[in-house]
Amino acid sequence: MMSKTPLIEIKALKKYYLVNKGIKDAFNKNKTYVKAIDDISLTIHEGEILGLAGESGSGKTTTGEILVRLQNPTSGEIVIDGHPMNKNYQKEFRKSVQMIFQDPYETLNPRFNVFDTIAEPLRIHGLKDKKTLYSKVIEALETAELKPAEHFIYRYPHELSGGQRQRVAIARGIVLEPKVLVADEPVSMLDVSIRADILNLLKRLRKEMGLTMLYVSHDLSTIKYLCDRIAIMYLGKIMEIGPVNEVVSNPQHPYTQVLLSAVPVADPDYNKKRMIIDDEVPDQINIPIGCRFTPRCPYAKEACNQCDHTMIKVSDEHYHACIFSKEEQTS
């Protein structure tokens, strides 16, 4: 059962990338930046799965990578289980937060067999006893539903299917018994027939291990199936956040409405109205004034140029960043 105690607190997080246009830029005081993440704050409760959704370039993957320390933030603070992310807590943090990457064909070292791949994190954290290493690797593989584990343990990545590779990646992620798992598009490169199995596995891991997860995806249907809450990102900002069923059934921000209108419905007789917008995402360097979605928004008004993305309350846990209510947008 999900706790109401925040296990993860992300406060005023920013990630800016300096754009180098040439040697002259090195001496230019007015630096140019890509604002991949621009002042976002999130909490993830213990035992919760939070879905982070948005188009490519929205900043969702960068957020996940910062959470696992693959990138350092430009500014802001991340607190996990009461500990700020800093050098004093780094070793324990590495053990507590693990990641599943998107591409099962690139995430595994081709020179490592399955045993070495999963045993590597254990060795890094000081476990050297061979019998204990073997038993923990076998346990992780069986938990990831690669059974019998003995049939896979000495295989190499090229001998595995995409689904089997992703299960090995999941086994590597859980072998240290982390508190937090960041899953970055973990099913997007898998066959449709395998996706449901992997999503059900993640659900089971949450229940059996008490895992807290950040699930990053552009696929709102998988987020609805797996997650408790959803946060919608666009050009480095949070546009809407709330319980997944509430956001899906009653989206407030026009961007959320556009994303949901593009989700296919498995009913050939259902006539779904799709919201058509400009496909061109604005330049991430020259970000629009006011609401960042204004150039593409079907309901844009002059007042949108004054929007500062302050979150407006809809219900106890549901917030959005549009200055207009859903009724006012179409008036």
Protein backbone atom coordinates (compact mmCIF):
# COMPACT_ATOMS: atom_id res chain seq x y z
CA MET A 1 0.00 0.00 0.00
CA MET A 2 1.34 3.42 -0.94
CA SER A 3 2.50 5.59 1.94
CA LYS A 4 1.72 9.30 2.08
CA THR A 5 5.26 9.97 3.27
CA PRO A 6 7.37 11.43 0.43
CA LEU A 7 10.35 9.17 -0.16
CA ILE A 8 11.69 11.46 -2.89
CA GLU A 9 11.53 15.25 -2.90
CA ILE A 10 12.68 17.14 -5.97
CA LYS A 11 12.93 20.86 -5.22
CA ALA A 12 13.36 23.64 -7.82
CA LEU A 13 15.38 21.34 -10.10
CA LYS A 14 17.14 22.89 -13.09
CA LYS A 15 19.35 21.41 -15.80
CA TYR A 16 20.80 23.82 -18.35
CA TYR A 17 23.15 22.83 -21.18
CA LEU A 18 25.56 25.45 -22.49
CA VAL A 19 25.38 25.88 -26.26
CA ASN A 20 28.83 26.42 -27.80
CA LYS A 21 28.47 28.07 -31.19
CA GLY A 22 32.18 28.50 -31.79
CA ILE A 23 35.38 29.89 -30.33
CA LYS A 24 33.85 33.37 -30.01
CA ASP A 25 31.21 31.95 -27.66
CA ALA A 26 33.91 31.06 -25.11
CA PHE A 27 34.52 34.77 -24.51
CA ASN A 28 30.88 35.86 -24.66
CA LYS A 29 29.41 36.90 -21.31
CA ASN A 30 25.85 36.33 -22.55
CA LYS A 31 25.85 32.55 -22.64
CA THR A 32 23.18 30.60 -24.50
CA TYR A 33 21.57 27.59 -22.81
CA VAL A 34 19.17 24.79 -23.57
CA LYS A 35 16.86 24.63 -20.56
CA ALA A 36 16.16 20.89 -20.45
CA ILE A 37 14.64 21.14 -16.96
CA ASP A 38 13.59 24.56 -15.77
CA ASP A 39 12.61 24.80 -12.11
CA ILE A 40 10.42 21.76 -11.41
CA SER A 41 9.37 20.35 -8.05
CA LEU A 42 7.98 16.86 -7.48
CA THR A 43 7.39 14.43 -4.63
CA ILE A 44 7.14 10.65 -4.94
CA HIS A 45 5.60 8.79 -2.03
CA GLU A 46 6.98 5.58 -0.60
CA GLY A 47 5.59 2.63 -2.54
CA GLU A 48 4.21 4.85 -5.32
CA ILE A 49 4.73 4.62 -9.08
CA LEU A 50 4.82 8.10 -10.61
CA GLY A 51 4.54 8.32 -14.38
CA LEU A 52 6.43 11.10 -16.14
CA ALA A 53 5.08 11.76 -19.62
CA GLY A 54 5.70 14.14 -22.50
CA GLU A 55 7.07 14.43 -26.02
CA SER A 56 10.72 13.97 -26.91
CA GLY A 57 12.68 16.93 -25.60
CA SER A 58 10.32 17.57 -22.69
CA GLY A 59 13.01 16.79 -20.08
CA LYS A 60 11.53 13.60 -18.65
CA THR A 61 14.53 11.34 -19.32
CA THR A 62 16.93 14.01 -18.05
CA THR A 63 14.93 14.11 -14.80
CA GLY A 64 15.32 10.35 -14.41
CA GLU A 65 19.05 10.47 -15.16
CA ILE A 66 19.61 13.19 -12.56
CA LEU A 67 17.70 11.11 -10.03
CA VAL A 68 20.17 8.23 -10.47
CA ARG A 69 23.19 10.57 -10.58
CA LEU A 70 24.02 9.93 -14.25
CA GLN A 71 23.88 13.71 -14.62
CA ASN A 72 24.38 16.52 -12.14
CA PRO A 73 21.73 19.24 -11.83
CA THR A 74 22.54 22.86 -12.60
CA SER A 75 20.70 23.82 -9.41
CA GLY A 76 18.01 22.54 -7.09
CA GLU A 77 17.89 19.80 -4.49
CA ILE A 78 16.92 16.14 -4.42
CA VAL A 79 16.18 14.50 -1.06
CA ILE A 80 15.76 10.72 -0.85
CA ASP A 81 14.51 9.16 2.38
CA GLY A 82 15.49 12.29 4.29
CA HIS A 83 19.03 12.42 2.87
CA PRO A 84 20.08 15.18 0.46
CA MET A 85 21.89 13.98 -2.63
CA ASN A 86 25.52 14.77 -1.83
CA LYS A 87 28.96 13.13 -1.58
CA ASN A 88 28.45 12.06 2.06
CA TYR A 89 25.51 9.88 1.08
CA GLN A 90 26.78 8.85 -2.34
CA LYS A 91 27.61 5.16 -1.78
CA GLU A 92 24.39 4.43 0.07
CA PHE A 93 22.50 6.45 -2.54
CA ARG A 94 23.95 4.39 -5.40
CA LYS A 95 22.66 1.27 -3.68
CA SER A 96 19.22 2.77 -2.98
CA VAL A 97 18.42 4.06 -6.48
CA GLN A 98 18.74 1.91 -9.60
CA MET A 99 17.69 2.34 -13.23
CA ILE A 100 16.24 0.29 -16.08
CA PHE A 101 17.21 1.74 -19.45
CA GLN A 102 15.17 1.95 -22.62
CA ASP A 103 17.19 -0.13 -25.07
CA PRO A 104 17.75 -3.75 -23.99
CA TYR A 105 20.16 -4.20 -26.93
CA GLU A 106 22.51 -1.43 -25.76
CA THR A 107 22.17 -1.61 -21.98
CA LEU A 108 24.14 -4.84 -21.49
CA ASN A 109 27.90 -5.25 -21.96
CA PRO A 110 28.36 -7.81 -24.77
CA ARG A 111 31.53 -9.13 -23.09
CA PHE A 112 29.75 -9.91 -19.82
CA ASN A 113 27.66 -13.02 -19.44
CA VAL A 114 24.42 -12.79 -17.45
CA PHE A 115 26.10 -13.78 -14.19
CA ASP A 116 28.80 -11.11 -14.44
CA THR A 117 26.25 -8.47 -15.49
CA ILE A 118 24.10 -9.01 -12.40
CA ALA A 119 26.97 -9.74 -10.01
CA GLU A 120 28.85 -6.53 -10.91
CA PRO A 121 26.77 -4.21 -8.64
CA LEU A 122 27.18 -6.66 -5.76
CA ARG A 123 30.96 -6.75 -6.24
CA ILE A 124 31.14 -2.97 -6.39
CA HIS A 125 29.37 -2.80 -3.03
CA GLY A 126 31.82 -5.22 -1.40
CA LEU A 127 30.27 -8.68 -1.74
CA LYS A 128 33.03 -11.17 -2.59
CA ASP A 129 31.83 -14.54 -1.32
CA LYS A 130 31.26 -16.68 -4.43
CA LYS A 131 28.42 -18.78 -2.99
CA THR A 132 26.52 -15.71 -1.81
CA LEU A 133 27.09 -13.97 -5.15
CA TYR A 134 25.76 -16.98 -7.03
CA SER A 135 22.66 -17.35 -4.84
CA LYS A 136 21.80 -13.63 -5.07
CA VAL A 137 22.17 -13.64 -8.87
CA ILE A 138 19.96 -16.74 -9.15
CA GLU A 139 17.37 -15.12 -6.86
CA ALA A 140 17.35 -11.89 -8.89
CA LEU A 141 16.92 -13.78 -12.18
CA GLU A 142 14.03 -15.83 -10.81
CA THR A 143 12.40 -12.70 -9.40
CA ALA A 144 12.69 -11.18 -12.90
CA GLU A 145 10.94 -14.33 -14.20
CA LEU A 146 13.87 -15.86 -16.06
CA LYS A 147 13.31 -19.47 -15.02
CA PRO A 148 15.07 -21.76 -14.57
CA ALA A 149 17.79 -19.22 -13.83
CA GLU A 150 20.52 -21.83 -14.31
CA HIS A 151 19.69 -21.96 -18.03
CA PHE A 152 20.45 -18.25 -18.47
CA ILE A 153 23.24 -17.51 -16.03
CA TYR A 154 26.19 -18.14 -18.35
CA ARG A 155 24.64 -16.90 -21.58
CA TYR A 156 25.80 -13.73 -23.33
CA PRO A 157 23.50 -10.89 -24.50
CA HIS A 158 23.61 -11.99 -28.16
CA GLU A 159 22.08 -15.32 -27.12
CA LEU A 160 19.01 -13.65 -25.60
CA SER A 161 15.84 -12.16 -27.04
CA GLY A 162 14.89 -8.52 -26.42
CA GLY A 163 12.44 -9.46 -23.67
CA GLN A 164 15.01 -11.71 -21.98
CA ARG A 165 17.62 -8.94 -22.11
CA GLN A 166 15.22 -6.50 -20.49
CA ARG A 167 14.52 -9.03 -17.73
CA VAL A 168 18.28 -9.33 -17.17
CA ALA A 169 18.43 -5.52 -16.93
CA ILE A 170 15.60 -5.61 -14.38
CA ALA A 171 17.39 -8.34 -12.40
CA ARG A 172 20.52 -6.16 -12.36
CA GLY A 173 18.41 -3.25 -11.12
CA ILE A 174 16.84 -5.15 -8.21
CA VAL A 175 19.79 -7.32 -7.09
CA LEU A 176 20.92 -4.64 -4.59
CA GLU A 177 17.36 -4.46 -3.19
CA PRO A 178 16.99 -0.73 -3.89
CA LYS A 179 14.32 1.56 -2.51
CA VAL A 180 13.79 3.38 -5.82
CA LEU A 181 13.68 2.15 -9.41
CA VAL A 182 13.79 4.57 -12.35
CA ALA A 183 12.34 2.93 -15.46
CA ASP A 184 13.07 4.90 -18.64
CA GLU A 185 10.74 3.72 -21.42
CA PRO A 186 11.35 0.07 -20.39
CA VAL A 187 8.86 -1.44 -22.87
CA SER A 188 9.03 0.93 -25.86
CA MET A 189 11.51 -1.26 -27.79
CA LEU A 190 9.87 -4.59 -26.99
CA ASP A 191 7.32 -6.57 -28.99
CA VAL A 192 3.72 -5.77 -28.09
CA SER A 193 3.21 -9.35 -26.88
CA ILE A 194 5.96 -8.91 -24.26
CA ARG A 195 5.08 -5.43 -23.02
CA ALA A 196 2.22 -6.51 -20.76
CA ASP A 197 4.45 -9.17 -19.14
CA ILE A 198 7.12 -6.58 -18.28
CA LEU A 199 4.53 -4.12 -16.93
CA ASN A 200 2.99 -6.87 -14.79
CA LEU A 201 6.47 -7.75 -13.55
CA LEU A 202 7.06 -4.13 -12.48
CA LYS A 203 3.70 -4.16 -10.68
CA ARG A 204 4.66 -7.34 -8.86
CA LEU A 205 8.07 -5.96 -7.87
CA ARG A 206 6.38 -2.91 -6.35
CA LYS A 207 4.09 -5.15 -4.32
CA GLU A 208 6.66 -7.74 -3.21
CA MET A 209 9.72 -5.50 -2.71
CA GLY A 210 7.96 -2.29 -1.70
CA LEU A 211 9.68 -0.46 -4.53
CA THR A 212 9.05 3.19 -5.30
CA MET A 213 9.26 3.94 -9.03
CA LEU A 214 9.61 6.78 -11.47
CA TYR A 215 8.24 5.45 -14.76
CA VAL A 216 9.29 7.60 -17.73
CA SER A 217 7.29 7.16 -20.92
CA HIS A 218 5.58 8.90 -23.83
CA ASP A 219 2.95 6.15 -23.86
CA LEU A 220 -0.01 7.29 -21.77
CA SER A 221 -1.74 3.92 -22.05
CA THR A 222 1.08 2.11 -20.24
CA ILE A 223 1.24 4.89 -17.64
CA LYS A 224 -2.50 4.53 -17.00
CA TYR A 225 -2.08 0.77 -16.55
CA LEU A 226 0.93 0.91 -14.25
CA CYS A 227 1.10 4.21 -12.38
CA ASP A 228 -0.66 5.80 -9.39
CA ARG A 229 -0.02 9.41 -10.42
CA ILE A 230 1.08 11.13 -13.60
CA ALA A 231 3.11 14.28 -14.24
CA ILE A 232 2.97 15.83 -17.73
CA MET A 233 6.14 17.66 -18.87
CA TYR A 234 6.64 20.07 -21.75
CA LEU A 235 9.84 21.98 -22.58
CA GLY A 236 11.26 21.51 -19.10
CA LYS A 237 8.12 22.45 -17.15
CA ILE A 238 5.42 20.45 -15.34
CA MET A 239 2.09 21.20 -17.05
CA GLU A 240 -0.19 18.94 -15.02
CA ILE A 241 0.08 16.44 -12.19
CA GLY A 242 -2.39 14.29 -10.33
CA PRO A 243 -3.86 10.81 -9.81
CA VAL A 244 -3.61 9.03 -13.13
CA ASN A 245 -7.29 8.14 -13.45
CA GLU A 246 -8.35 11.70 -12.59
CA VAL A 247 -5.95 13.31 -15.06
CA VAL A 248 -6.91 10.89 -17.84
CA SER A 249 -10.66 11.30 -17.28
CA ASN A 250 -10.58 15.05 -16.62
CA PRO A 251 -7.46 16.64 -18.20
CA GLN A 252 -7.20 20.35 -17.44
CA HIS A 253 -4.17 21.61 -19.35
CA PRO A 254 -4.56 21.88 -23.16
CA TYR A 255 -1.28 19.99 -23.64
CA THR A 256 -2.59 17.05 -21.60
CA GLN A 257 -5.80 17.15 -23.63
CA VAL A 258 -3.79 17.04 -26.87
CA LEU A 259 -1.71 14.05 -25.70
CA LEU A 260 -4.77 12.12 -24.60
CA SER A 261 -6.62 12.84 -27.84
CA ALA A 262 -3.79 11.06 -29.71
CA VAL A 263 -4.10 7.82 -27.71
CA PRO A 264 -5.75 5.17 -29.92
CA VAL A 265 -8.93 3.47 -28.70
CA ALA A 266 -9.39 -0.27 -29.27
CA ASP A 267 -12.89 0.12 -30.67
CA PRO A 268 -13.39 0.54 -34.45
CA ASP A 269 -16.88 1.99 -33.92
CA TYR A 270 -15.75 4.69 -31.50
CA ASN A 271 -15.48 8.07 -33.23
CA LYS A 272 -12.75 9.84 -31.29
CA LYS A 273 -12.13 13.53 -31.88
CA ARG A 274 -8.44 14.31 -32.16
CA MET A 275 -7.05 17.75 -31.38
CA ILE A 276 -4.83 18.85 -34.26
CA ILE A 277 -1.88 21.11 -33.42
CA ASP A 278 1.34 22.25 -35.05
CA ASP A 279 3.80 19.34 -35.02
CA GLU A 280 6.81 21.65 -34.74
CA VAL A 281 8.08 21.94 -31.17
CA PRO A 282 9.43 25.45 -30.37
CA ASP A 283 13.16 26.07 -30.30
CA GLN A 284 14.47 24.93 -26.91
CA ILE A 285 16.95 27.82 -26.87
CA ASN A 286 14.50 30.60 -27.73
CA ILE A 287 11.67 29.48 -25.46
CA PRO A 288 8.26 31.18 -25.97
CA ILE A 289 7.31 33.99 -23.59
CA GLY A 290 4.73 33.03 -21.00
CA CYS A 291 3.19 29.58 -21.38
CA ARG A 292 5.57 27.42 -23.37
CA PHE A 293 2.72 25.65 -25.11
CA THR A 294 1.18 28.88 -26.46
CA PRO A 295 2.55 28.65 -30.06
CA ARG A 296 0.86 25.25 -30.49
CA CYS A 297 -2.14 25.62 -28.18
CA PRO A 298 -5.58 25.52 -29.88
CA TYR A 299 -7.00 27.74 -27.12
CA ALA A 300 -4.17 30.32 -26.91
CA LYS A 301 -5.14 33.82 -25.84
CA GLU A 302 -3.14 37.02 -25.39
CA ALA A 303 -3.17 36.56 -21.60
CA CYS A 304 -1.19 33.31 -22.03
CA ASN A 305 1.92 35.46 -22.52
CA GLN A 306 1.67 36.32 -18.80
CA CYS A 307 1.60 32.68 -17.65
CA ASP A 308 4.46 31.71 -15.30
CA HIS A 309 3.45 28.01 -14.94
CA THR A 310 2.27 28.40 -11.34
CA MET A 311 0.34 25.26 -10.43
CA ILE A 312 -3.41 25.74 -9.91
CA LYS A 313 -5.33 23.35 -7.68
CA VAL A 314 -8.16 21.28 -9.18
CA SER A 315 -8.60 18.80 -6.31
CA ASP A 316 -6.56 17.54 -3.35
CA GLU A 317 -3.81 16.04 -5.54
CA HIS A 318 -4.64 17.35 -9.01
CA TYR A 319 -2.89 20.52 -10.27
CA HIS A 320 -2.33 22.15 -13.64
CA ALA A 321 -0.34 25.14 -14.96
CA CYS A 322 -2.86 26.76 -17.35
CA ILE A 323 -4.09 30.21 -16.26
CA PHE A 324 -7.56 29.33 -17.61
CA SER A 325 -9.96 26.71 -16.35
CA LYS A 326 -11.10 24.02 -18.77
CA GLU A 327 -14.37 25.90 -19.32
CA GLU A 328 -12.60 29.23 -19.92
CA GLN A 329 -10.22 27.73 -22.50
CA THR A 330 -12.94 27.23 -25.10
CA SER A 331 -14.91 30.40 -24.36
